Amino acid sequence: MDLRVIGVLLLVPLLDVMLLVVLATRLGPVPTVAIVVLTALLGLLLVRAEGRHTMSKLREKVARGDVPTDELLDGGLLLVAGALMLTPGLVTDAVGLLFALPPSRYVVRGATKRYVVRPYADAKTGGLASGNVYVGGFPNDGDGETVPGDGDHVDVGEDAYEFTDPDEGDDSGASAGER
């Protein structure tokens, strides 16, 4: 896993704790807990409503025979949003809200397609999924040898071209002109 991802994953709980400590010292512990519980409940209600809407769009697309790629990504983002809403803290609730609201989810879905789904599909299909297929002959095969067709000039000697006359292999002993 990339160290930046680990850093962000460690930074979010740290920011959550720091924000909760600041709120608890200014507002008191009871209002801080009430705010955390209220944001979690409102967020979960939003995630539930958006989940129902996404499921209805998914059913419509499947009934028409279309592939519901956007709806499946939205469902995954809503699943993450629900988990973040259940995690106590205001920063995680804000990130969960980002995944739950349709306008911001549209942006996150586009970034997920571009930076996660497309590279994964390209890695599994050799570029066939997105159309990034190598079409200029054979690329280097990895062992350092140059494979013909990858743009390098390959010299072939005269003995590489073998030509056999079909009439010479005739067993009758007669030449082509005597028949």
N, C-alpha and C. Protein backbone atom coordinates (compact mmCIF):
# COMPACT_ATOMS: atom_id res chain seq x y z
N MET A 1 0.85 -1.18 0.00
CA MET A 1 0.00 0.00 0.00
C MET A 1 0.89 1.24 0.00
N ASP A 2 0.46 2.24 -0.70
CA ASP A 2 1.22 3.47 -0.81
C ASP A 2 1.26 4.19 0.54
N LEU A 3 2.40 4.78 0.86
CA LEU A 3 2.55 5.47 2.14
C LEU A 3 1.63 6.67 2.26
N ARG A 4 1.29 7.31 1.15
CA ARG A 4 0.37 8.45 1.20
C ARG A 4 -1.02 8.00 1.64
N VAL A 5 -1.45 6.84 1.16
CA VAL A 5 -2.76 6.32 1.55
C VAL A 5 -2.77 6.00 3.04
N ILE A 6 -1.70 5.39 3.52
CA ILE A 6 -1.61 5.08 4.95
C ILE A 6 -1.60 6.37 5.76
N GLY A 7 -0.90 7.39 5.27
CA GLY A 7 -0.86 8.68 5.96
C GLY A 7 -2.24 9.31 6.06
N VAL A 8 -3.01 9.26 4.97
CA VAL A 8 -4.36 9.82 5.00
C VAL A 8 -5.25 9.02 5.94
N LEU A 9 -5.10 7.69 5.90
CA LEU A 9 -5.92 6.86 6.79
C LEU A 9 -5.60 7.10 8.26
N LEU A 10 -4.38 7.46 8.56
CA LEU A 10 -4.03 7.80 9.94
C LEU A 10 -4.37 9.25 10.29
N LEU A 11 -4.41 10.10 9.30
CA LEU A 11 -4.69 11.52 9.53
C LEU A 11 -6.16 11.77 9.85
N VAL A 12 -7.06 11.03 9.23
CA VAL A 12 -8.49 11.25 9.44
C VAL A 12 -8.89 11.01 10.90
N PRO A 13 -8.52 9.89 11.53
CA PRO A 13 -8.88 9.73 12.94
C PRO A 13 -8.21 10.77 13.84
N LEU A 14 -7.00 11.16 13.50
CA LEU A 14 -6.31 12.18 14.29
C LEU A 14 -7.07 13.51 14.23
N LEU A 15 -7.50 13.90 13.04
CA LEU A 15 -8.29 15.11 12.88
C LEU A 15 -9.63 15.00 13.61
N ASP A 16 -10.23 13.81 13.57
CA ASP A 16 -11.49 13.57 14.29
C ASP A 16 -11.33 13.80 15.78
N VAL A 17 -10.29 13.21 16.34
CA VAL A 17 -10.06 13.34 17.78
C VAL A 17 -9.77 14.78 18.14
N MET A 18 -8.94 15.45 17.34
CA MET A 18 -8.61 16.84 17.65
C MET A 18 -9.86 17.72 17.59
N LEU A 19 -10.72 17.53 16.59
CA LEU A 19 -11.94 18.32 16.48
C LEU A 19 -12.89 18.03 17.64
N LEU A 20 -13.00 16.78 18.03
CA LEU A 20 -13.88 16.44 19.15
C LEU A 20 -13.36 17.02 20.47
N VAL A 21 -12.07 17.04 20.65
CA VAL A 21 -11.50 17.63 21.87
C VAL A 21 -11.76 19.14 21.90
N VAL A 22 -11.59 19.80 20.77
CA VAL A 22 -11.85 21.25 20.72
C VAL A 22 -13.32 21.53 20.98
N LEU A 23 -14.22 20.76 20.36
CA LEU A 23 -15.65 20.96 20.60
C LEU A 23 -16.03 20.66 22.04
N ALA A 24 -15.46 19.62 22.63
CA ALA A 24 -15.79 19.26 24.01
C ALA A 24 -15.31 20.32 24.99
N THR A 25 -14.17 20.96 24.71
CA THR A 25 -13.69 22.00 25.63
C THR A 25 -14.50 23.29 25.49
N ARG A 26 -15.01 23.57 24.30
CA ARG A 26 -15.78 24.81 24.10
C ARG A 26 -17.26 24.63 24.41
N LEU A 27 -17.84 23.51 23.99
CA LEU A 27 -19.28 23.32 24.16
C LEU A 27 -19.62 22.45 25.37
N GLY A 28 -18.73 21.60 25.75
CA GLY A 28 -19.00 20.64 26.81
C GLY A 28 -19.17 19.25 26.22
N PRO A 29 -19.06 18.24 27.05
CA PRO A 29 -19.12 16.87 26.52
C PRO A 29 -20.50 16.45 26.03
N VAL A 30 -21.56 16.87 26.70
CA VAL A 30 -22.90 16.42 26.31
C VAL A 30 -23.31 16.99 24.94
N PRO A 31 -23.15 18.31 24.71
CA PRO A 31 -23.50 18.80 23.37
C PRO A 31 -22.62 18.20 22.26
N THR A 32 -21.36 17.92 22.57
CA THR A 32 -20.47 17.33 21.57
C THR A 32 -20.96 15.94 21.18
N VAL A 33 -21.32 15.14 22.17
CA VAL A 33 -21.84 13.79 21.89
C VAL A 33 -23.17 13.89 21.14
N ALA A 34 -23.99 14.85 21.51
CA ALA A 34 -25.28 15.03 20.82
C ALA A 34 -25.05 15.40 19.35
N ILE A 35 -24.09 16.26 19.08
CA ILE A 35 -23.78 16.64 17.69
C ILE A 35 -23.30 15.43 16.90
N VAL A 36 -22.43 14.63 17.50
CA VAL A 36 -21.91 13.45 16.80
C VAL A 36 -23.03 12.46 16.51
N VAL A 37 -23.90 12.22 17.46
CA VAL A 37 -25.00 11.27 17.26
C VAL A 37 -25.99 11.81 16.24
N LEU A 38 -26.29 13.11 16.31
CA LEU A 38 -27.23 13.71 15.37
C LEU A 38 -26.70 13.68 13.93
N THR A 39 -25.42 14.00 13.73
CA THR A 39 -24.87 13.94 12.37
C THR A 39 -24.85 12.51 11.85
N ALA A 40 -24.59 11.55 12.73
CA ALA A 40 -24.59 10.15 12.29
C ALA A 40 -26.00 9.71 11.89
N LEU A 41 -27.00 10.07 12.68
CA LEU A 41 -28.37 9.68 12.35
C LEU A 41 -28.87 10.33 11.06
N LEU A 42 -28.63 11.63 10.92
CA LEU A 42 -29.05 12.31 9.69
C LEU A 42 -28.31 11.76 8.47
N GLY A 43 -27.04 11.48 8.64
CA GLY A 43 -26.26 10.91 7.54
C GLY A 43 -26.75 9.53 7.14
N LEU A 44 -27.09 8.71 8.12
CA LEU A 44 -27.59 7.37 7.81
C LEU A 44 -28.95 7.43 7.13
N LEU A 45 -29.79 8.39 7.52
CA LEU A 45 -31.07 8.55 6.83
C LEU A 45 -30.86 8.97 5.38
N LEU A 46 -29.91 9.85 5.15
CA LEU A 46 -29.58 10.26 3.78
C LEU A 46 -29.02 9.09 2.97
N VAL A 47 -28.14 8.32 3.57
CA VAL A 47 -27.57 7.16 2.87
C VAL A 47 -28.66 6.15 2.53
N ARG A 48 -29.59 5.96 3.45
CA ARG A 48 -30.69 5.01 3.21
C ARG A 48 -31.56 5.48 2.04
N ALA A 49 -31.91 6.77 2.03
CA ALA A 49 -32.74 7.30 0.94
C ALA A 49 -32.01 7.23 -0.39
N GLU A 50 -30.75 7.60 -0.41
CA GLU A 50 -29.97 7.53 -1.65
C GLU A 50 -29.78 6.08 -2.10
N GLY A 51 -29.65 5.17 -1.16
CA GLY A 51 -29.52 3.75 -1.50
C GLY A 51 -30.78 3.23 -2.18
N ARG A 52 -31.93 3.64 -1.67
CA ARG A 52 -33.19 3.22 -2.31
C ARG A 52 -33.31 3.79 -3.72
N HIS A 53 -32.94 5.05 -3.87
CA HIS A 53 -32.99 5.69 -5.19
C HIS A 53 -32.03 5.00 -6.16
N THR A 54 -30.83 4.67 -5.68
CA THR A 54 -29.85 4.00 -6.53
C THR A 54 -30.32 2.60 -6.91
N MET A 55 -30.95 1.89 -5.97
CA MET A 55 -31.47 0.55 -6.28
C MET A 55 -32.57 0.61 -7.33
N SER A 56 -33.43 1.63 -7.26
CA SER A 56 -34.49 1.73 -8.27
C SER A 56 -33.89 2.04 -9.65
N LYS A 57 -32.87 2.91 -9.69
CA LYS A 57 -32.21 3.18 -10.98
C LYS A 57 -31.51 1.93 -11.49
N LEU A 58 -30.92 1.15 -10.60
CA LEU A 58 -30.24 -0.09 -11.00
C LEU A 58 -31.24 -1.07 -11.59
N ARG A 59 -32.39 -1.23 -10.94
CA ARG A 59 -33.43 -2.14 -11.46
C ARG A 59 -33.93 -1.70 -12.84
N GLU A 60 -34.11 -0.38 -13.02
CA GLU A 60 -34.57 0.13 -14.31
C GLU A 60 -33.56 -0.18 -15.41
N LYS A 61 -32.29 0.03 -15.13
CA LYS A 61 -31.26 -0.23 -16.14
C LYS A 61 -31.17 -1.71 -16.48
N VAL A 62 -31.26 -2.56 -15.48
CA VAL A 62 -31.21 -4.00 -15.73
C VAL A 62 -32.43 -4.44 -16.52
N ALA A 63 -33.60 -3.88 -16.21
CA ALA A 63 -34.81 -4.23 -16.95
C ALA A 63 -34.72 -3.81 -18.41
N ARG A 64 -34.03 -2.70 -18.70
CA ARG A 64 -33.83 -2.27 -20.08
C ARG A 64 -32.74 -3.06 -20.78
N GLY A 65 -31.94 -3.79 -20.03
CA GLY A 65 -30.85 -4.55 -20.61
C GLY A 65 -29.55 -3.78 -20.67
N ASP A 66 -29.47 -2.64 -19.99
CA ASP A 66 -28.24 -1.84 -19.94
C ASP A 66 -27.36 -2.31 -18.79
N VAL A 67 -26.08 -2.02 -18.89
CA VAL A 67 -25.14 -2.36 -17.83
C VAL A 67 -25.16 -1.23 -16.79
N PRO A 68 -25.46 -1.54 -15.53
CA PRO A 68 -25.59 -0.49 -14.50
C PRO A 68 -24.26 -0.15 -13.83
N THR A 69 -23.28 0.29 -14.59
CA THR A 69 -21.96 0.55 -13.99
C THR A 69 -21.99 1.71 -13.02
N ASP A 70 -22.64 2.81 -13.39
CA ASP A 70 -22.69 3.97 -12.49
C ASP A 70 -23.45 3.64 -11.21
N GLU A 71 -24.52 2.89 -11.33
CA GLU A 71 -25.32 2.54 -10.16
C GLU A 71 -24.55 1.62 -9.22
N LEU A 72 -23.77 0.71 -9.79
CA LEU A 72 -22.97 -0.18 -8.94
C LEU A 72 -21.88 0.60 -8.20
N LEU A 73 -21.25 1.54 -8.89
CA LEU A 73 -20.27 2.40 -8.22
C LEU A 73 -20.93 3.26 -7.15
N ASP A 74 -22.12 3.79 -7.46
CA ASP A 74 -22.85 4.57 -6.46
C ASP A 74 -23.18 3.72 -5.24
N GLY A 75 -23.57 2.48 -5.47
CA GLY A 75 -23.86 1.58 -4.35
C GLY A 75 -22.63 1.35 -3.48
N GLY A 76 -21.48 1.17 -4.11
CA GLY A 76 -20.25 1.00 -3.34
C GLY A 76 -19.89 2.25 -2.56
N LEU A 77 -20.05 3.42 -3.19
CA LEU A 77 -19.77 4.67 -2.49
C LEU A 77 -20.74 4.90 -1.34
N LEU A 78 -22.00 4.51 -1.53
CA LEU A 78 -22.97 4.64 -0.44
C LEU A 78 -22.67 3.67 0.69
N LEU A 79 -22.15 2.52 0.36
CA LEU A 79 -21.74 1.57 1.40
C LEU A 79 -20.60 2.15 2.24
N VAL A 80 -19.63 2.75 1.58
CA VAL A 80 -18.53 3.41 2.29
C VAL A 80 -19.06 4.59 3.10
N ALA A 81 -20.00 5.34 2.52
CA ALA A 81 -20.58 6.48 3.24
C ALA A 81 -21.29 6.02 4.50
N GLY A 82 -22.03 4.94 4.43
CA GLY A 82 -22.71 4.41 5.61
C GLY A 82 -21.73 3.98 6.69
N ALA A 83 -20.64 3.35 6.28
CA ALA A 83 -19.63 2.94 7.27
C ALA A 83 -18.97 4.16 7.91
N LEU A 84 -18.72 5.19 7.12
CA LEU A 84 -18.13 6.41 7.67
C LEU A 84 -19.10 7.13 8.59
N MET A 85 -20.38 7.09 8.28
CA MET A 85 -21.38 7.74 9.14
C MET A 85 -21.50 7.02 10.48
N LEU A 86 -21.32 5.72 10.48
CA LEU A 86 -21.39 4.96 11.73
C LEU A 86 -20.16 5.17 12.61
N THR A 87 -19.05 5.54 12.00
CA THR A 87 -17.82 5.79 12.75
C THR A 87 -17.98 7.10 13.50
N PRO A 88 -17.78 7.11 14.82
CA PRO A 88 -17.96 8.36 15.56
C PRO A 88 -16.90 9.39 15.18
N GLY A 89 -17.35 10.58 14.90
CA GLY A 89 -16.46 11.67 14.56
C GLY A 89 -17.09 12.56 13.51
N LEU A 90 -16.70 13.81 13.51
CA LEU A 90 -17.28 14.77 12.57
C LEU A 90 -16.56 14.79 11.23
N VAL A 91 -15.28 14.49 11.23
CA VAL A 91 -14.54 14.46 9.96
C VAL A 91 -15.00 13.26 9.13
N THR A 92 -15.15 12.11 9.75
CA THR A 92 -15.63 10.94 9.02
C THR A 92 -17.07 11.15 8.55
N ASP A 93 -17.88 11.85 9.35
CA ASP A 93 -19.24 12.17 8.91
C ASP A 93 -19.21 13.10 7.70
N ALA A 94 -18.29 14.05 7.68
CA ALA A 94 -18.19 14.97 6.54
C ALA A 94 -17.76 14.22 5.28
N VAL A 95 -16.82 13.30 5.41
CA VAL A 95 -16.39 12.51 4.24
C VAL A 95 -17.53 11.60 3.80
N GLY A 96 -18.25 11.01 4.76
CA GLY A 96 -19.41 10.19 4.43
C GLY A 96 -20.49 10.99 3.73
N LEU A 97 -20.69 12.23 4.16
CA LEU A 97 -21.66 13.10 3.52
C LEU A 97 -21.22 13.43 2.09
N LEU A 98 -19.93 13.57 1.89
CA LEU A 98 -19.38 13.81 0.55
C LEU A 98 -19.71 12.65 -0.38
N PHE A 99 -19.64 11.41 0.14
CA PHE A 99 -19.96 10.23 -0.66
C PHE A 99 -21.46 10.03 -0.82
N ALA A 100 -22.27 10.60 0.08
CA ALA A 100 -23.71 10.35 0.06
C ALA A 100 -24.48 11.34 -0.79
N LEU A 101 -24.04 12.59 -0.85
CA LEU A 101 -24.77 13.59 -1.63
C LEU A 101 -24.55 13.37 -3.13
N PRO A 102 -25.63 13.39 -3.92
CA PRO A 102 -25.49 13.09 -5.35
C PRO A 102 -24.53 13.99 -6.13
N PRO A 103 -24.51 15.32 -5.94
CA PRO A 103 -23.57 16.12 -6.75
C PRO A 103 -22.10 15.79 -6.47
N SER A 104 -21.75 15.63 -5.21
CA SER A 104 -20.35 15.30 -4.92
C SER A 104 -20.05 13.84 -5.23
N ARG A 105 -21.05 12.97 -5.11
CA ARG A 105 -20.85 11.56 -5.45
C ARG A 105 -20.57 11.41 -6.94
N TYR A 106 -21.16 12.27 -7.77
CA TYR A 106 -20.91 12.23 -9.20
C TYR A 106 -19.42 12.48 -9.48
N VAL A 107 -18.84 13.46 -8.79
CA VAL A 107 -17.42 13.78 -8.97
C VAL A 107 -16.55 12.63 -8.46
N VAL A 108 -16.90 12.09 -7.29
CA VAL A 108 -16.12 10.99 -6.71
C VAL A 108 -16.23 9.75 -7.60
N ARG A 109 -17.41 9.51 -8.16
CA ARG A 109 -17.60 8.36 -9.06
C ARG A 109 -16.73 8.51 -10.31
N GLY A 110 -16.66 9.70 -10.87
CA GLY A 110 -15.81 9.93 -12.04
C GLY A 110 -14.34 9.70 -11.72
N ALA A 111 -13.90 10.19 -10.56
CA ALA A 111 -12.51 9.97 -10.16
C ALA A 111 -12.24 8.50 -9.89
N THR A 112 -13.21 7.80 -9.31
CA THR A 112 -13.06 6.36 -9.05
C THR A 112 -12.94 5.59 -10.36
N LYS A 113 -13.74 5.95 -11.33
CA LYS A 113 -13.64 5.29 -12.64
C LYS A 113 -12.28 5.53 -13.27
N ARG A 114 -11.83 6.78 -13.20
CA ARG A 114 -10.59 7.13 -13.89
C ARG A 114 -9.35 6.56 -13.22
N TYR A 115 -9.29 6.62 -11.89
CA TYR A 115 -8.06 6.26 -11.19
C TYR A 115 -8.07 4.88 -10.55
N VAL A 116 -9.23 4.22 -10.48
CA VAL A 116 -9.29 2.90 -9.86
C VAL A 116 -9.79 1.85 -10.84
N VAL A 117 -10.97 2.07 -11.40
CA VAL A 117 -11.61 1.04 -12.22
C VAL A 117 -10.87 0.83 -13.54
N ARG A 118 -10.59 1.92 -14.26
CA ARG A 118 -9.93 1.80 -15.57
C ARG A 118 -8.54 1.19 -15.47
N PRO A 119 -7.67 1.63 -14.53
CA PRO A 119 -6.36 0.97 -14.43
C PRO A 119 -6.46 -0.51 -14.04
N TYR A 120 -7.42 -0.84 -13.19
CA TYR A 120 -7.60 -2.24 -12.80
C TYR A 120 -8.05 -3.08 -14.00
N ALA A 121 -9.03 -2.56 -14.75
CA ALA A 121 -9.52 -3.30 -15.92
C ALA A 121 -8.44 -3.42 -16.98
N ASP A 122 -7.65 -2.36 -17.17
CA ASP A 122 -6.55 -2.43 -18.14
C ASP A 122 -5.49 -3.44 -17.72
N ALA A 123 -5.21 -3.52 -16.44
CA ALA A 123 -4.21 -4.47 -15.96
C ALA A 123 -4.70 -5.90 -16.15
N LYS A 124 -5.99 -6.13 -15.96
CA LYS A 124 -6.53 -7.48 -16.10
C LYS A 124 -6.73 -7.90 -17.55
N THR A 125 -6.98 -6.93 -18.44
CA THR A 125 -7.27 -7.29 -19.84
C THR A 125 -6.18 -6.90 -20.80
N GLY A 126 -5.07 -6.39 -20.31
CA GLY A 126 -3.98 -5.99 -21.19
C GLY A 126 -4.31 -4.78 -22.05
N GLY A 127 -5.18 -3.91 -21.55
CA GLY A 127 -5.56 -2.71 -22.28
C GLY A 127 -6.79 -2.86 -23.15
N LEU A 128 -7.33 -4.05 -23.24
CA LEU A 128 -8.47 -4.29 -24.11
C LEU A 128 -9.74 -3.60 -23.61
N ALA A 129 -9.88 -3.43 -22.29
CA ALA A 129 -11.10 -2.83 -21.74
C ALA A 129 -11.25 -1.37 -22.13
N SER A 130 -10.17 -0.62 -22.16
CA SER A 130 -10.26 0.80 -22.47
C SER A 130 -9.80 1.12 -23.89
N GLY A 131 -9.34 0.14 -24.62
CA GLY A 131 -8.91 0.37 -25.99
C GLY A 131 -7.45 0.73 -26.11
N ASN A 132 -6.68 0.66 -25.03
CA ASN A 132 -5.26 0.96 -25.08
C ASN A 132 -4.47 -0.30 -25.41
N VAL A 133 -4.73 -0.84 -26.57
CA VAL A 133 -4.11 -2.09 -26.98
C VAL A 133 -2.90 -1.77 -27.84
N TYR A 134 -1.81 -2.50 -27.68
CA TYR A 134 -0.61 -2.32 -28.48
C TYR A 134 -0.87 -2.92 -29.85
N VAL A 135 -0.82 -2.10 -30.91
CA VAL A 135 -1.14 -2.57 -32.25
C VAL A 135 0.03 -2.48 -33.22
N GLY A 136 1.21 -2.11 -32.76
CA GLY A 136 2.34 -1.91 -33.66
C GLY A 136 3.24 -3.10 -33.77
N GLY A 137 2.73 -4.30 -33.85
CA GLY A 137 3.56 -5.49 -33.91
C GLY A 137 3.72 -6.08 -32.53
N PHE A 138 4.81 -6.80 -32.34
CA PHE A 138 5.05 -7.43 -31.05
C PHE A 138 5.98 -6.56 -30.21
N PRO A 139 5.59 -6.28 -28.98
CA PRO A 139 6.51 -5.50 -28.13
C PRO A 139 7.65 -6.38 -27.66
N ASN A 140 8.61 -5.79 -27.00
CA ASN A 140 9.70 -6.59 -26.44
C ASN A 140 9.12 -7.63 -25.52
N ASP A 141 9.65 -8.83 -25.58
CA ASP A 141 9.09 -9.91 -24.78
C ASP A 141 9.65 -9.96 -23.37
N GLY A 142 10.47 -9.02 -22.97
CA GLY A 142 10.90 -8.92 -21.59
C GLY A 142 12.25 -9.54 -21.30
N ASP A 143 12.80 -10.37 -22.19
CA ASP A 143 14.08 -10.99 -21.89
C ASP A 143 15.24 -10.24 -22.53
N GLY A 144 14.97 -9.05 -23.04
CA GLY A 144 16.04 -8.23 -23.60
C GLY A 144 16.24 -8.42 -25.09
N GLU A 145 15.67 -9.47 -25.66
CA GLU A 145 15.82 -9.69 -27.08
C GLU A 145 14.81 -8.83 -27.84
N THR A 146 15.21 -8.39 -29.01
CA THR A 146 14.32 -7.60 -29.82
C THR A 146 13.46 -8.53 -30.65
N VAL A 147 12.18 -8.30 -30.61
CA VAL A 147 11.25 -9.11 -31.36
C VAL A 147 10.92 -8.37 -32.65
N PRO A 148 10.91 -9.05 -33.79
CA PRO A 148 10.61 -8.37 -35.05
C PRO A 148 9.26 -7.67 -34.99
N GLY A 149 9.23 -6.46 -35.51
CA GLY A 149 7.98 -5.73 -35.57
C GLY A 149 7.84 -4.66 -34.52
N ASP A 150 8.79 -4.52 -33.61
CA ASP A 150 8.64 -3.51 -32.56
C ASP A 150 9.32 -2.20 -32.93
N GLY A 151 9.60 -2.01 -34.22
CA GLY A 151 10.17 -0.75 -34.67
C GLY A 151 11.65 -0.85 -34.98
N ASP A 152 12.33 -1.89 -34.52
CA ASP A 152 13.75 -2.06 -34.80
C ASP A 152 13.92 -2.79 -36.13
N HIS A 153 15.02 -2.49 -36.81
CA HIS A 153 15.33 -3.14 -38.08
C HIS A 153 15.97 -4.49 -37.80
N VAL A 154 15.47 -5.50 -38.47
CA VAL A 154 16.02 -6.84 -38.30
C VAL A 154 16.55 -7.31 -39.64
N ASP A 155 17.86 -7.65 -39.69
CA ASP A 155 18.46 -8.15 -40.92
C ASP A 155 18.22 -9.65 -41.02
N VAL A 156 17.77 -10.06 -42.18
CA VAL A 156 17.52 -11.47 -42.43
C VAL A 156 18.38 -11.87 -43.62
N GLY A 157 19.14 -12.94 -43.46
CA GLY A 157 20.01 -13.40 -44.53
C GLY A 157 19.24 -14.08 -45.65
N GLU A 158 19.95 -14.31 -46.76
CA GLU A 158 19.33 -14.94 -47.92
C GLU A 158 18.87 -16.36 -47.62
N ASP A 159 19.59 -17.04 -46.73
CA ASP A 159 19.24 -18.43 -46.45
C ASP A 159 17.95 -18.54 -45.62
N ALA A 160 17.47 -17.43 -45.08
CA ALA A 160 16.22 -17.48 -44.32
C ALA A 160 15.02 -17.63 -45.24
N TYR A 161 15.19 -17.25 -46.51
CA TYR A 161 14.10 -17.37 -47.46
C TYR A 161 14.29 -18.67 -48.22
N GLU A 162 13.46 -19.61 -47.95
CA GLU A 162 13.58 -20.90 -48.60
C GLU A 162 12.47 -21.01 -49.64
N PHE A 163 12.87 -21.31 -50.87
CA PHE A 163 11.90 -21.44 -51.94
C PHE A 163 12.04 -22.82 -52.56
N THR A 164 10.96 -23.50 -52.63
CA THR A 164 10.99 -24.80 -53.29
C THR A 164 10.01 -24.76 -54.45
N ASP A 165 10.47 -25.28 -55.55
CA ASP A 165 9.64 -25.34 -56.74
C ASP A 165 8.71 -26.53 -56.60
N PRO A 166 7.41 -26.32 -56.75
CA PRO A 166 6.48 -27.44 -56.58
C PRO A 166 6.66 -28.53 -57.64
N ASP A 167 7.22 -28.17 -58.79
CA ASP A 167 7.40 -29.17 -59.84
C ASP A 167 8.64 -30.03 -59.59
N GLU A 168 9.57 -29.56 -58.79
CA GLU A 168 10.79 -30.33 -58.55
C GLU A 168 10.53 -31.55 -57.70
N GLY A 169 9.53 -31.51 -56.89
CA GLY A 169 9.27 -32.63 -56.00
C GLY A 169 8.47 -33.73 -56.66
N ASP A 170 8.25 -33.67 -57.95
CA ASP A 170 7.47 -34.66 -58.68
C ASP A 170 8.29 -35.95 -58.80
N ASP A 171 7.72 -37.10 -58.48
CA ASP A 171 8.42 -38.38 -58.47
C ASP A 171 8.43 -39.05 -59.86
N SER A 172 7.71 -38.54 -60.81
CA SER A 172 7.61 -39.22 -62.11
C SER A 172 8.89 -39.11 -62.92
N GLY A 173 9.79 -38.22 -62.55
CA GLY A 173 11.05 -38.08 -63.26
C GLY A 173 10.95 -37.18 -64.45
N ALA A 174 9.78 -36.81 -64.83
CA ALA A 174 9.59 -35.94 -66.00
C ALA A 174 9.63 -34.50 -65.55
N SER A 175 10.19 -33.65 -66.38
CA SER A 175 10.22 -32.24 -66.05
C SER A 175 8.87 -31.61 -66.38
N ALA A 176 8.70 -30.36 -65.97
CA ALA A 176 7.42 -29.69 -66.16
C ALA A 176 7.11 -29.49 -67.63
N GLY A 177 8.13 -29.33 -68.47
CA GLY A 177 7.91 -29.07 -69.89
C GLY A 177 7.60 -30.34 -70.65
N GLU A 178 7.91 -31.55 -70.17
CA GLU A 178 7.73 -32.79 -70.90
C GLU A 178 6.34 -33.38 -70.67
N ARG A 179 5.54 -32.80 -69.85
CA ARG A 179 4.24 -33.39 -69.59
C ARG A 179 3.25 -33.04 -70.61
